[in-house]
């Protein structure tokens, strides 16, 4: 029998959630076939079979939490699945007829092995395991599953309700109806593991960093005219469109070189000055915000940056990002403008100490001199930074440098 265990996921990831079983008990499995998809704090990971055989048993249900090193499934030799199932049923039948003394004593002590069968509750493997550990009789559990299958969550809820009823006095009836008002229907949706992690990290960022945001605005006239002139040839030469993100990436790198504290992080009582430029690009997905990283962006040309951004965006959309795509990063860029945001205060992607927020390009009247105004395509930009190591002077100077480089895009060839 081959055990399928949760592999080492990443240095900071110790557990995951069973998102989807890709094979079911009885299915033939080839070496390298994906067995299960796990959702971790950052990405989804597929676990493959090391050997060929028949999937005998899955030990956890979809939605269950599993830890690194834990056995989650078992694979037997090809064709042995049905034989083993038949053998187990025969043994169970024989055991029920003979009623050995050791089983009677086990039942008397309150520990039980719940199996599916006439007169016995139908329960998932994880539910049976949990019930044995807690000494709970599954016949006392009410299943929420329409088919009557008891899950681990049902047992946890049953135990929680029992403890509450034992520890708390009865409340007035008018208070018991707070969550049961048919005139005010609600729907409860469990947060995904990734959404829980995002929420936790955002709160931690605001609580652990002395976060402050400063703003500026950019006249996008020159960069839009340059892009209009060059976009067709750029696409023909490189097979990728010339977007704004490559310009802003180059401008950020140029500004980071002048203000290196924004490319650092705090470790205990030391400042870690990073001598590389791995730029995170915030990407919105159906499962939440992720920040894949463009590695060594200072060594890439405009086409290289656009290709890498497109590649990471496609992987995020298809849920193919790896932990390596997300780890590290020295500075982050987020573009709320693609959703129409005109103004925002981005939250730090800790432990980084700086994040640049781009916004919607909008025509606004701009004073050319004391007498003349022109309508220009303008963009507000925002820099959120950790005031513990970055002073206001540096933060403002950083934004001014980004503004100067974008408004004079040819200079990006020299400074970006």
Protein backbone atom coordinates (compact mmCIF):
# COMPACT_ATOMS: atom_id res chain seq x y z
CA UNK A 1 0.00 0.00 0.00
CA UNK A 2 1.38 3.41 -1.03
CA UNK A 3 0.60 6.38 1.18
CA UNK A 4 0.01 9.79 -0.39
CA UNK A 5 1.29 12.46 1.99
CA UNK A 6 1.12 16.24 1.95
CA UNK A 7 4.56 17.34 0.71
CA UNK A 8 6.66 20.22 1.93
CA UNK A 9 4.88 23.23 0.43
CA UNK A 10 7.07 26.19 1.38
CA UNK A 11 9.10 27.41 4.33
CA UNK A 12 6.19 29.36 5.81
CA UNK A 13 3.34 27.05 4.71
CA UNK A 14 2.57 24.17 7.07
CA UNK A 15 -0.97 23.22 6.09
CA UNK A 16 -3.54 23.47 3.34
CA UNK A 17 -7.17 22.77 2.53
CA UNK A 18 -8.42 19.95 0.30
CA UNK A 19 -9.87 21.95 -2.59
CA UNK A 20 -10.76 19.09 -4.93
CA UNK A 21 -10.18 15.37 -5.28
CA UNK A 22 -9.09 14.78 -8.89
CA UNK A 23 -9.33 10.99 -8.50
CA UNK A 24 -11.92 8.93 -6.64
CA UNK A 25 -11.56 5.62 -4.78
CA UNK A 26 -11.46 2.80 -7.32
CA UNK A 27 -9.94 4.95 -10.08
CA UNK A 28 -6.84 3.68 -11.85
CA UNK A 29 -3.88 6.00 -11.23
CA UNK A 30 -0.77 6.27 -13.39
CA UNK A 31 2.57 7.49 -12.09
CA UNK A 32 2.56 11.29 -12.25
CA UNK A 33 -1.24 11.61 -12.30
CA UNK A 34 -2.58 14.41 -10.11
CA UNK A 35 -4.56 12.98 -7.19
CA UNK A 36 -5.75 16.01 -5.27
CA UNK A 37 -5.64 19.80 -5.42
CA UNK A 38 -4.74 21.61 -2.20
CA UNK A 39 -5.43 25.26 -1.50
CA UNK A 40 -2.68 26.93 0.51
CA UNK A 41 -2.39 30.45 1.85
CA UNK A 42 -0.89 31.59 -1.44
CA UNK A 43 -1.54 29.20 -4.33
CA UNK A 44 -3.23 25.94 -5.23
CA UNK A 45 -0.94 22.90 -5.35
CA UNK A 46 -1.63 19.59 -7.09
CA UNK A 47 -0.21 16.41 -5.54
CA UNK A 48 0.73 13.66 -7.97
CA UNK A 49 1.08 9.90 -7.52
CA UNK A 50 4.63 8.56 -7.22
CA UNK A 51 3.58 5.09 -8.35
CA UNK A 52 0.84 3.57 -10.48
CA UNK A 53 -2.03 1.63 -8.94
CA UNK A 54 -5.62 1.93 -7.81
CA UNK A 55 -6.77 4.66 -5.46
CA UNK A 56 -7.98 2.70 -2.46
CA UNK A 57 -9.04 5.35 0.01
CA UNK A 58 -9.22 9.12 0.53
CA UNK A 59 -8.85 10.03 4.19
CA UNK A 60 -10.14 13.61 4.02
CA UNK A 61 -13.12 15.38 2.51
CA UNK A 62 -13.03 18.49 0.34
CA UNK A 63 -12.81 21.45 2.68
CA UNK A 64 -10.80 19.60 5.35
CA UNK A 65 -7.54 21.03 6.62
CA UNK A 66 -4.44 18.87 6.18
CA UNK A 67 -0.91 19.33 7.49
CA UNK A 68 2.45 18.78 5.84
CA UNK A 69 3.48 15.12 6.18
CA UNK A 70 -0.07 13.90 6.86
CA UNK A 71 -1.34 10.85 4.95
CA UNK A 72 -4.36 11.88 2.90
CA UNK A 73 -4.88 8.91 0.56
CA UNK A 74 -3.72 5.37 -0.15
CA UNK A 75 -2.92 3.64 -3.43
CA UNK A 76 -2.78 -0.14 -3.90
CA UNK A 77 -1.60 -2.38 -6.71
CA UNK A 78 -3.55 -2.21 -9.95
CA UNK A 79 -6.76 -4.19 -9.70
CA UNK A 80 -6.47 -4.70 -5.99
CA UNK A 81 -9.03 -2.06 -5.10
CA UNK A 82 -12.12 -4.20 -5.68
CA UNK A 83 -10.49 -7.26 -4.12
CA UNK A 84 -9.56 -5.33 -1.02
CA UNK A 85 -13.02 -3.81 -0.75
CA UNK A 86 -14.55 -7.28 -1.07
CA UNK A 87 -12.19 -8.64 1.57
CA UNK A 88 -12.98 -5.80 3.95
CA UNK A 89 -16.73 -6.32 3.54
CA UNK A 90 -16.33 -10.06 4.16
CA UNK A 91 -14.27 -9.40 7.25
CA UNK A 92 -16.83 -6.88 8.47
CA UNK A 93 -19.67 -9.34 7.91
CA UNK A 94 -17.79 -12.11 9.69
CA UNK A 95 -16.92 -9.78 12.50
CA UNK A 96 -20.54 -8.72 12.97
CA UNK A 97 -21.64 -12.35 13.22
CA UNK A 98 -19.00 -13.43 15.70
CA UNK A 99 -19.08 -10.22 17.78
CA UNK A 100 -15.60 -10.71 19.32
CA UNK A 101 -15.12 -9.72 22.92
CA UNK A 102 -12.56 -7.01 22.07
CA UNK A 103 -15.15 -5.09 20.01
CA UNK A 104 -17.72 -5.34 22.79
CA UNK A 105 -15.28 -3.94 25.30
CA UNK A 106 -14.35 -1.17 22.86
CA UNK A 107 -18.02 -0.19 22.50
CA UNK A 108 -18.49 -0.30 26.24
CA UNK A 109 -15.66 2.20 26.69
CA UNK A 110 -17.33 4.68 24.36
CA UNK A 111 -14.79 4.39 21.52
CA UNK A 112 -16.41 3.32 18.30
CA UNK A 113 -15.67 2.73 14.67
CA UNK A 114 -18.55 4.11 12.62
CA UNK A 115 -18.96 2.48 9.23
CA UNK A 116 -21.58 2.69 6.55
CA UNK A 117 -24.17 -0.03 6.80
CA UNK A 118 -27.71 -0.86 7.86
CA UNK A 119 -28.67 1.02 11.01
CA UNK A 120 -25.34 2.87 11.18
CA UNK A 121 -24.72 6.52 10.38
CA UNK A 122 -23.06 7.34 7.06
CA UNK A 123 -19.94 9.39 7.75
CA UNK A 124 -16.85 10.60 5.95
CA UNK A 125 -13.48 9.06 6.89
CA UNK A 126 -12.35 12.26 8.58
CA UNK A 127 -15.62 12.40 10.55
CA UNK A 128 -15.22 8.83 11.78
CA UNK A 129 -11.64 9.51 12.79
CA UNK A 130 -12.60 12.68 14.64
CA UNK A 131 -15.49 10.95 16.38
CA UNK A 132 -13.21 8.17 17.62
CA UNK A 133 -10.71 10.68 18.97
CA UNK A 134 -13.40 12.62 20.83
CA UNK A 135 -15.43 9.61 21.94
CA UNK A 136 -18.58 10.91 20.22
CA UNK A 137 -21.47 8.70 19.13
CA UNK A 138 -22.24 9.51 15.49
CA UNK A 139 -25.88 8.55 15.96
CA UNK A 140 -26.30 11.77 17.96
CA UNK A 141 -25.12 13.96 15.09
CA UNK A 142 -27.48 15.73 12.69
CA UNK A 143 -26.08 15.85 9.15
CA UNK A 144 -26.51 18.91 6.98
CA UNK A 145 -25.79 16.88 3.85
CA UNK A 146 -29.06 16.21 1.95
CA UNK A 147 -27.97 12.57 1.58
CA UNK A 148 -27.41 12.26 5.34
CA UNK A 149 -23.63 11.90 5.19
CA UNK A 150 -22.00 13.18 8.37
CA UNK A 151 -18.95 15.39 7.92
CA UNK A 152 -16.34 16.51 10.39
CA UNK A 153 -17.87 20.00 10.43
CA UNK A 154 -21.18 18.56 11.66
CA UNK A 155 -19.43 16.96 14.65
CA UNK A 156 -17.52 20.13 15.49
CA UNK A 157 -20.74 22.15 15.35
CA UNK A 158 -22.54 19.58 17.50
CA UNK A 159 -19.76 19.64 20.09
CA UNK A 160 -19.64 23.45 20.07
CA UNK A 161 -23.40 23.73 20.58
CA UNK A 162 -23.27 21.20 23.41
CA UNK A 163 -20.51 23.08 25.19
CA UNK A 164 -22.33 26.38 24.81
CA UNK A 165 -25.54 24.95 26.22
CA UNK A 166 -23.68 23.53 29.23
CA UNK A 167 -21.66 26.66 30.01
CA UNK A 168 -24.16 29.43 29.34
CA UNK A 169 -27.50 30.10 31.05
CA UNK A 170 -30.60 30.18 28.91
CA UNK A 171 -31.08 33.56 27.23
CA UNK A 172 -34.41 35.31 26.80
CA UNK A 173 -36.37 34.08 23.82
CA UNK A 174 -36.34 37.46 22.14
CA UNK A 175 -32.53 37.27 21.91
CA UNK A 176 -32.56 33.77 20.42
CA UNK A 177 -34.29 35.02 17.27
CA UNK A 178 -31.61 37.50 16.23
CA UNK A 179 -30.32 35.26 13.45
CA UNK A 180 -33.68 33.79 12.52
CA UNK A 181 -35.64 36.62 10.94
CA UNK A 182 -37.30 35.43 7.68
CA UNK A 183 -37.89 39.05 6.69
CA UNK A 184 -34.12 39.63 6.70
CA UNK A 185 -32.61 36.68 4.79
CA UNK A 186 -28.86 36.21 4.87
CA UNK A 187 -26.38 33.83 3.30
CA UNK A 188 -23.31 32.61 5.16
CA UNK A 189 -20.31 31.85 2.95
CA UNK A 190 -17.15 30.42 4.46
CA UNK A 191 -14.04 32.41 3.62
CA UNK A 192 -11.51 30.53 1.53
CA UNK A 193 -8.11 29.88 3.05
CA UNK A 194 -6.57 32.45 0.70
CA UNK A 195 -9.14 35.12 1.58
CA UNK A 196 -8.53 34.47 5.28
CA UNK A 197 -4.79 34.87 4.71
CA UNK A 198 -5.27 38.08 2.73
CA UNK A 199 -7.45 39.51 5.50
CA UNK A 200 -4.93 38.54 8.17
CA UNK A 201 -1.96 39.98 6.29
CA UNK A 202 -3.70 43.27 5.55
CA UNK A 203 -4.60 43.74 9.21
CA UNK A 204 -1.06 42.80 10.27
CA UNK A 205 0.39 45.30 7.79
CA UNK A 206 -1.65 48.13 9.28
CA UNK A 207 -0.87 47.09 12.85
CA UNK A 208 2.86 46.38 12.49
CA UNK A 209 4.00 49.19 10.15
CA UNK A 210 3.91 52.96 10.61
CA UNK A 211 2.12 53.27 7.28
CA UNK A 212 1.67 56.63 5.59
CA UNK A 213 0.60 57.59 2.05
CA UNK A 214 1.72 60.51 -0.11
CA UNK A 215 0.35 61.54 -3.53
CA UNK A 216 1.31 63.19 -6.78
CA UNK A 217 -0.08 63.42 -10.31
CA UNK A 218 1.42 62.68 -13.71
CA UNK A 219 0.76 64.27 -17.08
CA UNK A 220 0.49 61.21 -19.32
CA UNK A 221 0.58 63.15 -22.61
CA UNK A 222 4.12 62.25 -23.68
CA UNK A 223 3.97 58.60 -22.75
CA UNK A 224 0.61 58.15 -24.50
CA UNK A 225 1.93 59.81 -27.67
CA UNK A 226 5.09 57.66 -27.58
CA UNK A 227 3.05 54.52 -27.06
CA UNK A 228 0.72 55.46 -29.93
CA UNK A 229 3.69 55.95 -32.28
CA UNK A 230 5.55 52.81 -31.29
CA UNK A 231 2.88 50.26 -30.35
CA UNK A 232 2.42 48.65 -33.80
CA UNK A 233 6.13 48.21 -34.47
CA UNK A 234 6.69 47.07 -30.89
CA UNK A 235 4.03 44.38 -31.32
CA UNK A 236 5.49 43.25 -34.67
CA UNK A 237 9.04 43.08 -33.28
CA UNK A 238 8.29 41.47 -29.92
CA UNK A 239 4.95 39.67 -30.21
CA UNK A 240 3.57 41.50 -27.18
CA UNK A 241 1.71 44.79 -26.71
CA UNK A 242 3.41 47.85 -25.29
CA UNK A 243 1.49 48.72 -22.11
CA UNK A 244 1.92 51.29 -19.38
CA UNK A 245 3.21 48.79 -16.81
CA UNK A 246 6.64 48.46 -18.42
CA UNK A 247 7.07 52.25 -18.31
CA UNK A 248 6.06 52.42 -14.66
CA UNK A 249 8.26 49.45 -13.77
CA UNK A 250 11.26 51.18 -15.33
CA UNK A 251 10.35 54.45 -13.59
CA UNK A 252 10.03 52.71 -10.21
CA UNK A 253 13.44 51.06 -10.65
CA UNK A 254 14.98 54.42 -11.49
CA UNK A 255 13.40 55.97 -8.39
CA UNK A 256 14.45 53.04 -6.17
CA UNK A 257 18.05 53.47 -7.25
CA UNK A 258 17.91 57.08 -6.07
CA UNK A 259 15.95 56.29 -2.88
CA UNK A 260 17.17 52.80 -1.86
CA UNK A 261 15.40 52.71 1.52
CA UNK A 262 12.17 52.05 -0.34
CA UNK A 263 13.79 48.86 -1.66
CA UNK A 264 14.54 47.59 1.85
CA UNK A 265 12.84 45.82 4.75
CA UNK A 266 13.15 45.71 8.52
CA UNK A 267 14.52 42.61 10.25
CA UNK A 268 14.55 43.00 14.03
CA UNK A 269 16.78 46.02 14.69
CA UNK A 270 18.44 45.98 11.27
CA UNK A 271 17.58 47.44 7.86
CA UNK A 272 18.04 44.94 5.04
CA UNK A 273 19.10 46.94 1.98
CA UNK A 274 18.26 44.91 -1.14
CA UNK A 275 20.67 45.12 -4.06
CA UNK A 276 18.19 43.61 -6.51
CA UNK A 277 14.92 44.74 -8.07
CA UNK A 278 12.23 42.04 -7.89
CA UNK A 279 9.03 43.99 -8.55
CA UNK A 280 5.71 42.54 -7.40
CA UNK A 281 2.66 43.14 -9.59
CA UNK A 282 -0.66 43.00 -7.75
CA UNK A 283 -3.16 40.91 -9.74
CA UNK A 284 -6.84 40.49 -8.90
CA UNK A 285 -8.26 36.97 -9.33
CA UNK A 286 -11.59 35.33 -8.50
CA UNK A 287 -9.96 33.92 -5.35
CA UNK A 288 -8.51 37.23 -4.20
CA UNK A 289 -5.46 39.41 -4.68
CA UNK A 290 -2.12 37.80 -5.48
CA UNK A 291 1.25 39.47 -6.08
CA UNK A 292 3.48 37.54 -8.50
CA UNK A 293 7.00 38.88 -8.86
CA UNK A 294 8.93 40.02 -11.94
CA UNK A 295 12.46 38.88 -11.08
CA UNK A 296 15.47 41.09 -11.81
CA UNK A 297 13.26 43.61 -13.58
CA UNK A 298 16.20 46.01 -13.93
CA UNK A 299 17.87 43.53 -16.30
CA UNK A 300 14.83 43.26 -18.59
CA UNK A 301 13.99 45.53 -21.50
CA UNK A 302 10.46 46.83 -22.11
CA UNK A 303 9.49 43.73 -24.11
CA UNK A 304 10.90 41.43 -21.44
CA UNK A 305 8.88 43.15 -18.72
CA UNK A 306 5.66 43.07 -20.76
CA UNK A 307 6.13 39.37 -21.57
CA UNK A 308 6.80 38.46 -17.95
CA UNK A 309 3.80 40.46 -16.69
CA UNK A 310 1.58 38.79 -19.29
CA UNK A 311 2.90 35.35 -18.38
CA UNK A 312 2.29 35.87 -14.66
CA UNK A 313 -1.18 37.32 -15.29
CA UNK A 314 -2.16 34.27 -17.36
CA UNK A 315 -0.83 31.90 -14.70
CA UNK A 316 -2.82 33.76 -12.06
CA UNK A 317 -5.98 33.56 -14.16
CA UNK A 318 -5.50 29.82 -14.77
CA UNK A 319 -4.53 29.20 -11.11
CA UNK A 320 -1.11 27.95 -12.18
CA UNK A 321 1.03 30.28 -10.08
CA UNK A 322 3.66 28.50 -8.01
CA UNK A 323 4.97 29.53 -4.62
CA UNK A 324 8.17 30.54 -6.37
CA UNK A 325 6.21 33.06 -8.45
CA UNK A 326 4.94 34.75 -5.30
CA UNK A 327 7.80 34.61 -2.83
CA UNK A 328 10.16 37.49 -2.21
CA UNK A 329 9.78 40.78 -3.99
CA UNK A 330 11.38 44.07 -2.99
CA UNK A 331 8.69 46.57 -4.03
CA UNK A 332 5.12 46.31 -5.33
CA UNK A 333 3.07 48.11 -7.99
CA UNK A 334 -0.73 47.96 -7.96
CA UNK A 335 -2.95 49.39 -10.68
CA UNK A 336 -6.44 50.18 -9.44
CA UNK A 337 -6.98 52.30 -12.54
CA UNK A 338 -7.96 49.25 -14.58
CA UNK A 339 -11.09 49.07 -12.41
CA UNK A 340 -11.76 52.81 -12.63
CA UNK A 341 -10.19 53.87 -9.33
CA UNK A 342 -9.29 57.57 -9.36
CA UNK A 343 -7.70 57.76 -5.91
CA UNK A 344 -6.69 55.22 -3.26
CA UNK A 345 -4.26 54.48 -0.44
CA UNK A 346 -2.68 51.06 -1.12
CA UNK A 347 -1.72 48.84 1.81
CA UNK A 348 1.85 47.62 2.16
CA UNK A 349 2.75 44.13 1.02
CA UNK A 350 4.81 43.37 4.13
CA UNK A 351 7.68 42.96 4.80
CA UNK A 352 8.20 45.40 1.93
CA UNK A 353 8.22 49.06 2.96
CA UNK A 354 6.84 50.62 -0.22
CA UNK A 355 4.00 50.16 -2.70
CA UNK A 356 3.06 52.38 -5.65
CA UNK A 357 -0.59 52.77 -6.57
CA UNK A 358 -1.52 53.70 -10.16
CA UNK A 359 -4.96 55.06 -10.99
CA UNK A 360 -7.32 55.89 -13.82
CA UNK A 361 -6.15 58.25 -16.58
CA UNK A 362 -8.66 61.08 -16.78
CA UNK A 363 -8.78 64.27 -18.84
CA UNK A 364 -8.47 67.32 -16.58
CA UNK A 365 -7.77 71.02 -17.22
CA UNK A 366 -4.13 71.84 -16.51
CA UNK A 367 -2.62 75.31 -16.28
CA UNK A 368 0.05 75.76 -18.95
CA UNK A 369 0.98 79.27 -17.86
CA UNK A 370 -0.67 82.15 -16.04
CA UNK A 371 -3.28 82.60 -18.78
CA UNK A 372 -3.72 79.32 -20.64
CA UNK A 373 -5.25 75.97 -19.75
CA UNK A 374 -5.26 72.69 -21.65
CA UNK A 375 -7.09 69.44 -21.14
CA UNK A 376 -4.46 66.80 -20.40
CA UNK A 377 -4.64 63.06 -19.61
CA UNK A 378 -3.72 63.02 -15.92
CA UNK A 379 -3.11 60.18 -13.45
CA UNK A 380 -2.93 60.34 -9.68
CA UNK A 381 -0.24 58.15 -8.16
CA UNK A 382 0.08 57.16 -4.50
CA UNK A 383 3.00 55.84 -2.49
CA UNK A 384 2.30 54.05 0.77
CA UNK A 385 5.47 53.58 2.83
CA UNK A 386 6.69 52.45 6.23
CA UNK A 387 7.55 55.63 8.13
CA UNK A 388 9.79 53.64 10.50
CA UNK A 389 12.64 53.75 7.99
CA UNK A 390 11.35 55.99 5.18
CA UNK A 391 10.99 59.70 5.93
CA UNK A 392 8.52 61.99 4.22
CA UNK A 393 11.28 63.73 2.26
CA UNK A 394 12.38 60.44 0.68
CA UNK A 395 8.81 59.36 -0.05
CA UNK A 396 7.94 62.64 -1.74
CA UNK A 397 11.24 62.59 -3.66
CA UNK A 398 10.51 59.06 -4.85
CA UNK A 399 7.14 60.06 -6.29
CA UNK A 400 8.60 63.17 -7.91
CA UNK A 401 11.25 61.00 -9.58
CA UNK A 402 8.61 58.59 -10.91
CA UNK A 403 6.64 61.58 -12.22
CA UNK A 404 9.70 63.05 -13.96
CA UNK A 405 10.61 59.76 -15.63
CA UNK A 406 7.09 59.07 -16.88
CA UNK A 407 6.62 62.61 -18.20
CA UNK A 408 9.98 62.31 -20.03
CA UNK A 409 9.79 58.65 -21.17
CA UNK A 410 12.99 58.78 -23.24
CA UNK A 411 14.90 59.24 -19.97
CA UNK A 412 13.80 55.75 -18.91
CA UNK A 413 16.34 54.34 -21.36
CA UNK A 414 19.10 55.91 -19.28
CA UNK A 415 17.78 55.80 -15.70
CA UNK A 416 15.35 52.87 -15.66
